[in-house]
Amino acid sequence: MESVPRYFMPPADHFVLLGPRGTGKTWLTKRFFPQALRVDLLEPETLRSLSARPERLRELIGARSEVRQVVIDEVQKLPVLLEY
């Protein structure tokens, strides 16, 4: 994938990164947050598990004390996660 230089300064707190498919949102989050816990809702098992019990997101985060950042990829598939 060809990269186009962009100016992006991640906010200090939480934020939502929106944009059309194929514009590099996942690539950008991997670049800026390489150590983040990644929750990919394109993985069917992850989507099923969190759909059944969205509060599992807290369990996933709590199980990893070193987690400082969480990236939820494709959150539009399960917007209720934004409440957690």
C-alpha atoms as a PDB file:
ATOM      1  CA  MET A   1       0.000   0.000   0.000  1.00  0.00           C
ATOM      2  CA  GLU A   2       1.360   3.380  -0.959  1.00  0.00           C
ATOM      3  CA  SER A   3       1.536   5.829   1.896  1.00  0.00           C
ATOM      4  CA  VAL A   4       0.633   9.477   1.526  1.00  0.00           C
ATOM      5  CA  PRO A   5       2.223  11.719   4.161  1.00  0.00           C
ATOM      6  CA  ARG A   6      -0.397  13.186   6.482  1.00  0.00           C
ATOM      7  CA  TYR A   7      -0.314  15.379   9.510  1.00  0.00           C
ATOM      8  CA  PHE A   8      -1.838  13.513  12.428  1.00  0.00           C
ATOM      9  CA  MET A   9      -1.327  14.204  16.101  1.00  0.00           C
ATOM     10  CA  PRO A  10      -3.155  11.643  18.241  1.00  0.00           C
ATOM     11  CA  PRO A  11      -5.238  13.244  20.999  1.00  0.00           C
ATOM     12  CA  ALA A  12      -4.154  12.665  24.587  1.00  0.00           C
ATOM     13  CA  ASP A  13      -7.500  11.051  25.429  1.00  0.00           C
ATOM     14  CA  HIS A  14      -9.885   8.811  23.538  1.00  0.00           C
ATOM     15  CA  PHE A  15     -11.104   9.523  20.019  1.00  0.00           C
ATOM     16  CA  VAL A  16     -13.003   7.980  17.123  1.00  0.00           C
ATOM     17  CA  LEU A  17     -11.295   7.739  13.755  1.00  0.00           C
ATOM     18  CA  LEU A  18     -13.857   7.677  10.957  1.00  0.00           C
ATOM     19  CA  GLY A  19     -13.481   7.432   7.205  1.00  0.00           C
ATOM     20  CA  PRO A  20     -14.371   5.427   4.115  1.00  0.00           C
ATOM     21  CA  ARG A  21     -13.183   1.855   3.654  1.00  0.00           C
ATOM     22  CA  GLY A  22      -9.684   1.409   2.344  1.00  0.00           C
ATOM     23  CA  THR A  23      -8.337   4.811   3.377  1.00  0.00           C
ATOM     24  CA  GLY A  24      -5.764   3.516   5.872  1.00  0.00           C
ATOM     25  CA  LYS A  25      -7.461   3.822   9.272  1.00  0.00           C
ATOM     26  CA  THR A  26      -6.201   0.415  10.422  1.00  0.00           C
ATOM     27  CA  TRP A  27      -2.736   1.081   9.021  1.00  0.00           C
ATOM     28  CA  LEU A  28      -2.616   4.444  10.802  1.00  0.00           C
ATOM     29  CA  THR A  29      -3.633   2.995  14.173  1.00  0.00           C
ATOM     30  CA  LYS A  30      -1.062   0.206  13.847  1.00  0.00           C
ATOM     31  CA  ARG A  31       1.602   2.800  13.103  1.00  0.00           C
ATOM     32  CA  PHE A  32       0.739   5.189  15.936  1.00  0.00           C
ATOM     33  CA  PHE A  33      -0.330   2.614  18.542  1.00  0.00           C
ATOM     34  CA  PRO A  34       1.807  -0.510  17.972  1.00  0.00           C
ATOM     35  CA  GLN A  35       1.509  -1.672  21.608  1.00  0.00           C
ATOM     36  CA  ALA A  36      -2.271  -1.179  21.840  1.00  0.00           C
ATOM     37  CA  LEU A  37      -4.674  -3.986  22.580  1.00  0.00           C
ATOM     38  CA  ARG A  38      -6.382  -4.497  19.214  1.00  0.00           C
ATOM     39  CA  VAL A  39      -9.974  -5.669  19.087  1.00  0.00           C
ATOM     40  CA  ASP A  40     -10.785  -6.485  15.465  1.00  0.00           C
ATOM     41  CA  LEU A  41     -14.508  -6.896  14.887  1.00  0.00           C
ATOM     42  CA  LEU A  42     -13.845  -8.324  11.424  1.00  0.00           C
ATOM     43  CA  GLU A  43     -12.794 -11.510  13.241  1.00  0.00           C
ATOM     44  CA  PRO A  44     -16.055 -13.492  13.474  1.00  0.00           C
ATOM     45  CA  GLU A  45     -15.233 -15.092  16.836  1.00  0.00           C
ATOM     46  CA  THR A  46     -14.437 -11.718  18.423  1.00  0.00           C
ATOM     47  CA  LEU A  47     -17.616 -10.174  17.034  1.00  0.00           C
ATOM     48  CA  ARG A  48     -19.771 -13.085  18.265  1.00  0.00           C
ATOM     49  CA  SER A  49     -18.213 -13.044  21.725  1.00  0.00           C
ATOM     50  CA  LEU A  50     -18.583  -9.309  22.259  1.00  0.00           C
ATOM     51  CA  SER A  51     -22.048  -9.219  20.682  1.00  0.00           C
ATOM     52  CA  ALA A  52     -23.253 -11.783  23.200  1.00  0.00           C
ATOM     53  CA  ARG A  53     -21.676  -9.956  26.151  1.00  0.00           C
ATOM     54  CA  PRO A  54     -20.291  -6.477  25.399  1.00  0.00           C
ATOM     55  CA  GLU A  55     -18.974  -6.178  28.966  1.00  0.00           C
ATOM     56  CA  ARG A  56     -16.306  -8.733  27.973  1.00  0.00           C
ATOM     57  CA  LEU A  57     -14.424  -5.760  26.586  1.00  0.00           C
ATOM     58  CA  ARG A  58     -13.707  -4.694  30.179  1.00  0.00           C
ATOM     59  CA  GLU A  59     -12.544  -8.232  30.952  1.00  0.00           C
ATOM     60  CA  LEU A  60     -10.196  -8.206  27.949  1.00  0.00           C
ATOM     61  CA  ILE A  61      -8.682  -4.923  29.049  1.00  0.00           C
ATOM     62  CA  GLY A  62      -8.530  -5.903  32.733  1.00  0.00           C
ATOM     63  CA  ALA A  63      -6.730  -9.159  31.933  1.00  0.00           C
ATOM     64  CA  ARG A  64      -3.774  -7.180  30.608  1.00  0.00           C
ATOM     65  CA  SER A  65      -2.409  -4.807  33.200  1.00  0.00           C
ATOM     66  CA  GLU A  66       0.120  -3.402  30.726  1.00  0.00           C
ATOM     67  CA  VAL A  67      -2.601  -2.170  28.352  1.00  0.00           C
ATOM     68  CA  ARG A  68      -2.534   1.597  28.048  1.00  0.00           C
ATOM     69  CA  GLN A  69      -4.348   1.913  24.739  1.00  0.00           C
ATOM     70  CA  VAL A  70      -7.167   0.000  23.088  1.00  0.00           C
ATOM     71  CA  VAL A  71      -8.012   0.103  19.397  1.00  0.00           C
ATOM     72  CA  ILE A  72     -11.423  -1.228  18.399  1.00  0.00           C
ATOM     73  CA  ASP A  73     -11.280  -1.778  14.658  1.00  0.00           C
ATOM     74  CA  GLU A  74     -14.613  -1.752  12.782  1.00  0.00           C
ATOM     75  CA  VAL A  75     -16.523  -0.500  15.852  1.00  0.00           C
ATOM     76  CA  GLN A  76     -19.490   0.357  13.624  1.00  0.00           C
ATOM     77  CA  LYS A  77     -20.276  -3.376  13.641  1.00  0.00           C
ATOM     78  CA  LEU A  78     -20.967  -3.201  17.400  1.00  0.00           C
ATOM     79  CA  PRO A  79     -21.461   0.430  18.481  1.00  0.00           C
ATOM     80  CA  VAL A  80     -22.600  -0.601  21.982  1.00  0.00           C
ATOM     81  CA  LEU A  81     -18.885  -1.111  22.781  1.00  0.00           C
ATOM     82  CA  LEU A  82     -18.486   2.656  22.858  1.00  0.00           C
ATOM     83  CA  GLU A  83     -20.426   2.597  26.136  1.00  0.00           C
ATOM     84  CA  TYR A  84     -17.718   0.431  27.718  1.00  0.00           C
END
